[in-house]
Each structure stands twice: as structure tokens, then as C-alpha cells.
């Protein structure tokens, strides 16, 4: 249980990074709502977190190259929703 909670916290940290990145991105004429692609962040302690968002609405989260979560996601206006396939949350 403790390992799963640690994994979820790391995944939440990665999404926090994405939210910060989106807020600090320079304004463009036509902002893209798409998250499709690979997003990566390195913590001050050297832990590498990566999220992969696919066009079919599936996603995966990795820590130091090892997959620890996968599921589905969607974005509607200003709301981002992700469902972890393992725990259904």
C-alpha cells in the first residue's frame, strides 16, 4: 500500500509540473489543448518522471524509466481528468 501511495504522489508531482509548465508557457495566437506526447521532469534529487499521453486517450506514467501507472485521460475546457486503470481512481 505504501509503495502505491508513493507512486501516486510521484505521478501527482509530474502533473503538477505539467500544470506549472502550461501556466508559464508564452501566449500564442492559437493555444493547443492537446497533451499528446511525452512530458518529462527531473526532481532536485534526480528522480525522472515522465508521462506519455496518446491520441487514443490512453496514458502512462514512468519513474526513472519504469512504468508505474497507466490509464485513460481527457481534457475538457480547463479541466484535466485521469483515471488510473489499476485502482479506478
N, C-alpha and C. Protein backbone atom coordinates (compact mmCIF):
# COMPACT_ATOMS: atom_id res chain seq x y z
N UNK A 1 0.83 -1.19 0.00
CA UNK A 1 0.00 0.00 0.00
C UNK A 1 0.87 1.26 0.00
N UNK A 2 1.95 1.26 0.83
CA UNK A 2 2.81 2.42 0.90
C UNK A 2 3.49 2.68 -0.44
N UNK A 3 3.90 1.63 -1.15
CA UNK A 3 4.52 1.78 -2.46
C UNK A 3 3.55 2.40 -3.44
N UNK A 4 2.32 1.96 -3.44
CA UNK A 4 1.30 2.50 -4.35
C UNK A 4 1.07 3.98 -4.07
N UNK A 5 1.02 4.36 -2.79
CA UNK A 5 0.82 5.76 -2.42
C UNK A 5 2.01 6.59 -2.90
N UNK A 6 3.21 6.09 -2.76
CA UNK A 6 4.40 6.80 -3.23
C UNK A 6 4.33 7.00 -4.74
N UNK A 7 3.91 5.98 -5.45
CA UNK A 7 3.79 6.08 -6.90
C UNK A 7 2.76 7.13 -7.29
N UNK A 8 1.63 7.13 -6.61
CA UNK A 8 0.59 8.11 -6.93
C UNK A 8 1.06 9.53 -6.62
N UNK A 9 1.81 9.69 -5.54
CA UNK A 9 2.35 11.01 -5.21
C UNK A 9 3.35 11.48 -6.25
N UNK A 10 4.19 10.58 -6.75
CA UNK A 10 5.13 10.94 -7.80
C UNK A 10 4.40 11.31 -9.08
N UNK A 11 3.35 10.58 -9.40
CA UNK A 11 2.56 10.89 -10.59
C UNK A 11 1.89 12.25 -10.44
N UNK A 12 1.37 12.53 -9.24
CA UNK A 12 0.75 13.82 -8.97
C UNK A 12 1.78 14.95 -9.12
N UNK A 13 3.01 14.69 -8.66
CA UNK A 13 4.08 15.68 -8.80
C UNK A 13 4.34 15.98 -10.28
N UNK A 14 4.36 14.96 -11.10
CA UNK A 14 4.60 15.15 -12.52
C UNK A 14 3.49 15.99 -13.15
N UNK A 15 2.25 15.74 -12.77
CA UNK A 15 1.15 16.53 -13.32
C UNK A 15 1.16 17.95 -12.79
N UNK A 16 1.66 18.12 -11.56
CA UNK A 16 1.85 19.47 -11.05
C UNK A 16 2.84 20.23 -11.90
N UNK A 17 3.90 19.54 -12.32
CA UNK A 17 4.88 20.15 -13.22
C UNK A 17 4.21 20.55 -14.53
N UNK A 18 3.38 19.68 -15.07
CA UNK A 18 2.70 20.00 -16.33
C UNK A 18 1.82 21.22 -16.19
N UNK A 19 1.12 21.31 -15.07
CA UNK A 19 0.25 22.48 -14.85
C UNK A 19 1.08 23.75 -14.75
N UNK A 20 2.23 23.69 -14.08
CA UNK A 20 3.11 24.85 -13.97
C UNK A 20 3.64 25.22 -15.34
N UNK A 21 4.04 24.23 -16.12
CA UNK A 21 4.55 24.49 -17.46
C UNK A 21 3.48 25.18 -18.31
N UNK A 22 2.27 24.70 -18.23
CA UNK A 22 1.19 25.28 -19.03
C UNK A 22 0.92 26.72 -18.63
N UNK A 23 1.01 27.03 -17.33
CA UNK A 23 0.78 28.39 -16.86
C UNK A 23 1.89 29.33 -17.30
N UNK A 24 3.11 28.83 -17.38
CA UNK A 24 4.25 29.67 -17.71
C UNK A 24 4.60 29.69 -19.19
N UNK A 25 3.83 28.97 -19.98
CA UNK A 25 4.10 28.92 -21.41
C UNK A 25 3.80 30.29 -22.02
N UNK A 26 4.60 30.72 -22.99
CA UNK A 26 4.33 32.01 -23.61
C UNK A 26 3.00 31.98 -24.36
N UNK A 27 2.28 33.10 -24.37
CA UNK A 27 1.00 33.11 -25.07
C UNK A 27 1.19 32.95 -26.57
N UNK A 28 0.26 32.26 -27.18
CA UNK A 28 0.30 32.07 -28.63
C UNK A 28 -1.04 32.50 -29.21
N UNK A 29 -1.08 32.68 -30.49
CA UNK A 29 -2.32 33.09 -31.15
C UNK A 29 -3.39 32.01 -31.01
N UNK A 30 -3.00 30.74 -31.12
CA UNK A 30 -3.94 29.64 -31.01
C UNK A 30 -3.39 28.58 -30.07
N UNK A 31 -3.71 28.68 -28.77
CA UNK A 31 -3.19 27.68 -27.84
C UNK A 31 -3.72 26.29 -28.15
N UNK A 32 -2.88 25.30 -28.05
CA UNK A 32 -3.27 23.93 -28.34
C UNK A 32 -3.72 23.23 -27.07
N UNK A 33 -4.92 22.65 -27.03
CA UNK A 33 -5.38 21.94 -25.85
C UNK A 33 -4.83 20.52 -25.76
N UNK A 34 -4.06 20.10 -26.73
CA UNK A 34 -3.60 18.72 -26.80
C UNK A 34 -2.45 18.46 -25.83
N UNK A 35 -2.55 17.36 -25.10
CA UNK A 35 -1.46 16.89 -24.24
C UNK A 35 -0.69 15.75 -24.89
N UNK A 36 -1.09 15.35 -26.10
CA UNK A 36 -0.48 14.19 -26.76
C UNK A 36 1.02 14.41 -26.87
N UNK A 37 1.76 13.40 -26.42
CA UNK A 37 3.21 13.45 -26.47
C UNK A 37 3.82 12.94 -25.19
N UNK A 38 5.13 13.18 -25.06
CA UNK A 38 5.88 12.76 -23.87
C UNK A 38 6.29 14.00 -23.09
N UNK A 39 6.02 13.96 -21.78
CA UNK A 39 6.36 15.07 -20.89
C UNK A 39 7.26 14.53 -19.80
N UNK A 40 8.36 15.22 -19.56
CA UNK A 40 9.35 14.70 -18.61
C UNK A 40 9.80 15.81 -17.66
N UNK A 41 10.11 15.41 -16.43
CA UNK A 41 10.60 16.32 -15.42
C UNK A 41 11.62 15.59 -14.55
N UNK A 42 12.63 16.33 -14.08
CA UNK A 42 13.63 15.76 -13.17
C UNK A 42 13.53 16.51 -11.86
N UNK A 43 13.37 15.77 -10.75
CA UNK A 43 13.28 16.39 -9.44
C UNK A 43 14.67 16.85 -9.00
N UNK A 44 14.74 17.72 -7.99
CA UNK A 44 16.04 18.14 -7.48
C UNK A 44 16.91 16.98 -6.99
N UNK A 45 16.28 15.88 -6.62
CA UNK A 45 17.02 14.69 -6.16
C UNK A 45 17.40 13.77 -7.30
N UNK A 46 17.07 14.14 -8.54
CA UNK A 46 17.47 13.35 -9.70
C UNK A 46 16.47 12.32 -10.16
N UNK A 47 15.28 12.27 -9.55
CA UNK A 47 14.25 11.32 -9.97
C UNK A 47 13.62 11.85 -11.26
N UNK A 48 13.56 10.99 -12.27
CA UNK A 48 12.99 11.39 -13.56
C UNK A 48 11.58 10.84 -13.67
N UNK A 49 10.62 11.74 -13.82
CA UNK A 49 9.23 11.35 -14.03
C UNK A 49 8.84 11.66 -15.46
N UNK A 50 8.10 10.77 -16.08
CA UNK A 50 7.66 11.00 -17.45
C UNK A 50 6.21 10.55 -17.59
N UNK A 51 5.42 11.36 -18.29
CA UNK A 51 4.05 11.00 -18.63
C UNK A 51 3.94 10.92 -20.14
N UNK A 52 3.24 9.91 -20.62
CA UNK A 52 3.02 9.74 -22.06
C UNK A 52 1.52 9.78 -22.29
N UNK A 53 1.08 10.76 -23.09
CA UNK A 53 -0.33 10.90 -23.44
C UNK A 53 -0.48 10.55 -24.92
N UNK A 54 -1.37 9.61 -25.21
CA UNK A 54 -1.58 9.16 -26.59
C UNK A 54 -2.88 9.73 -27.15
N UNK A 55 -2.97 9.79 -28.46
CA UNK A 55 -4.15 10.34 -29.14
C UNK A 55 -5.41 9.52 -28.87
N UNK A 56 -5.27 8.25 -28.49
CA UNK A 56 -6.44 7.40 -28.21
C UNK A 56 -6.95 7.56 -26.78
N UNK A 57 -6.48 8.58 -26.06
CA UNK A 57 -6.87 8.90 -24.68
C UNK A 57 -6.25 7.97 -23.63
N UNK A 58 -5.29 7.15 -24.00
CA UNK A 58 -4.59 6.35 -23.02
C UNK A 58 -3.36 7.12 -22.55
N UNK A 59 -2.89 6.80 -21.36
CA UNK A 59 -1.70 7.47 -20.83
C UNK A 59 -0.95 6.51 -19.92
N UNK A 60 0.33 6.82 -19.72
CA UNK A 60 1.19 6.02 -18.85
C UNK A 60 2.11 6.95 -18.09
N UNK A 61 2.47 6.54 -16.88
CA UNK A 61 3.41 7.30 -16.08
C UNK A 61 4.62 6.44 -15.75
N UNK A 62 5.80 7.04 -15.82
CA UNK A 62 7.05 6.33 -15.58
C UNK A 62 7.88 7.09 -14.54
N UNK A 63 8.59 6.35 -13.71
CA UNK A 63 9.56 6.93 -12.79
C UNK A 63 10.88 6.23 -13.05
N UNK A 64 11.89 7.03 -13.39
CA UNK A 64 13.22 6.50 -13.71
C UNK A 64 13.14 5.39 -14.76
N UNK A 65 12.29 5.58 -15.76
CA UNK A 65 12.19 4.64 -16.87
C UNK A 65 11.31 3.43 -16.62
N UNK A 66 10.77 3.29 -15.41
CA UNK A 66 9.95 2.13 -15.09
C UNK A 66 8.48 2.56 -15.00
N UNK A 67 7.61 1.87 -15.78
CA UNK A 67 6.19 2.21 -15.75
C UNK A 67 5.60 1.85 -14.41
N UNK A 68 4.83 2.80 -13.83
CA UNK A 68 4.18 2.50 -12.56
C UNK A 68 2.68 2.77 -12.58
N UNK A 69 2.19 3.40 -13.64
CA UNK A 69 0.76 3.65 -13.71
C UNK A 69 0.36 3.79 -15.18
N UNK A 70 -0.88 3.41 -15.48
CA UNK A 70 -1.43 3.62 -16.81
C UNK A 70 -2.93 3.78 -16.67
N UNK A 71 -3.54 4.38 -17.65
CA UNK A 71 -4.97 4.59 -17.59
C UNK A 71 -5.45 5.38 -18.78
N UNK A 72 -6.50 6.15 -18.56
CA UNK A 72 -7.06 6.99 -19.61
C UNK A 72 -7.18 8.42 -19.09
N UNK A 73 -7.33 9.36 -20.02
CA UNK A 73 -7.45 10.76 -19.63
C UNK A 73 -8.36 11.50 -20.61
N UNK A 74 -8.81 12.66 -20.18
CA UNK A 74 -9.46 13.59 -21.10
C UNK A 74 -9.29 15.00 -20.58
N UNK A 75 -9.40 15.95 -21.48
CA UNK A 75 -9.33 17.37 -21.16
C UNK A 75 -10.60 18.02 -21.71
N UNK A 76 -11.29 18.75 -20.85
CA UNK A 76 -12.48 19.49 -21.28
C UNK A 76 -12.34 20.90 -20.73
N UNK A 77 -12.23 21.85 -21.60
CA UNK A 77 -12.03 23.26 -21.27
C UNK A 77 -10.84 23.40 -20.32
N UNK A 78 -11.07 23.75 -19.06
CA UNK A 78 -9.96 23.95 -18.13
C UNK A 78 -9.81 22.80 -17.13
N UNK A 79 -10.42 21.64 -17.43
CA UNK A 79 -10.38 20.51 -16.51
C UNK A 79 -9.65 19.32 -17.13
N UNK A 80 -8.70 18.79 -16.36
CA UNK A 80 -7.93 17.62 -16.77
C UNK A 80 -8.37 16.47 -15.88
N UNK A 81 -8.75 15.33 -16.47
CA UNK A 81 -9.20 14.16 -15.72
C UNK A 81 -8.36 12.97 -16.14
N UNK A 82 -7.89 12.22 -15.14
CA UNK A 82 -7.14 10.98 -15.44
C UNK A 82 -7.70 9.87 -14.57
N UNK A 83 -7.83 8.69 -15.18
CA UNK A 83 -8.30 7.52 -14.44
C UNK A 83 -7.21 6.46 -14.50
N UNK A 84 -6.76 6.06 -13.32
CA UNK A 84 -5.75 5.02 -13.19
C UNK A 84 -6.42 3.68 -13.38
N UNK A 85 -5.95 2.90 -14.35
CA UNK A 85 -6.55 1.61 -14.65
C UNK A 85 -6.43 0.60 -13.52
N UNK A 86 -5.42 0.74 -12.65
CA UNK A 86 -5.20 -0.24 -11.57
C UNK A 86 -6.16 -0.05 -10.41
N UNK A 87 -6.39 1.19 -10.01
CA UNK A 87 -7.23 1.40 -8.83
C UNK A 87 -8.56 2.05 -9.17
N UNK A 88 -8.74 2.48 -10.42
CA UNK A 88 -10.01 3.06 -10.84
C UNK A 88 -10.26 4.45 -10.29
N UNK A 89 -9.21 5.12 -9.81
CA UNK A 89 -9.39 6.47 -9.24
C UNK A 89 -9.03 7.53 -10.25
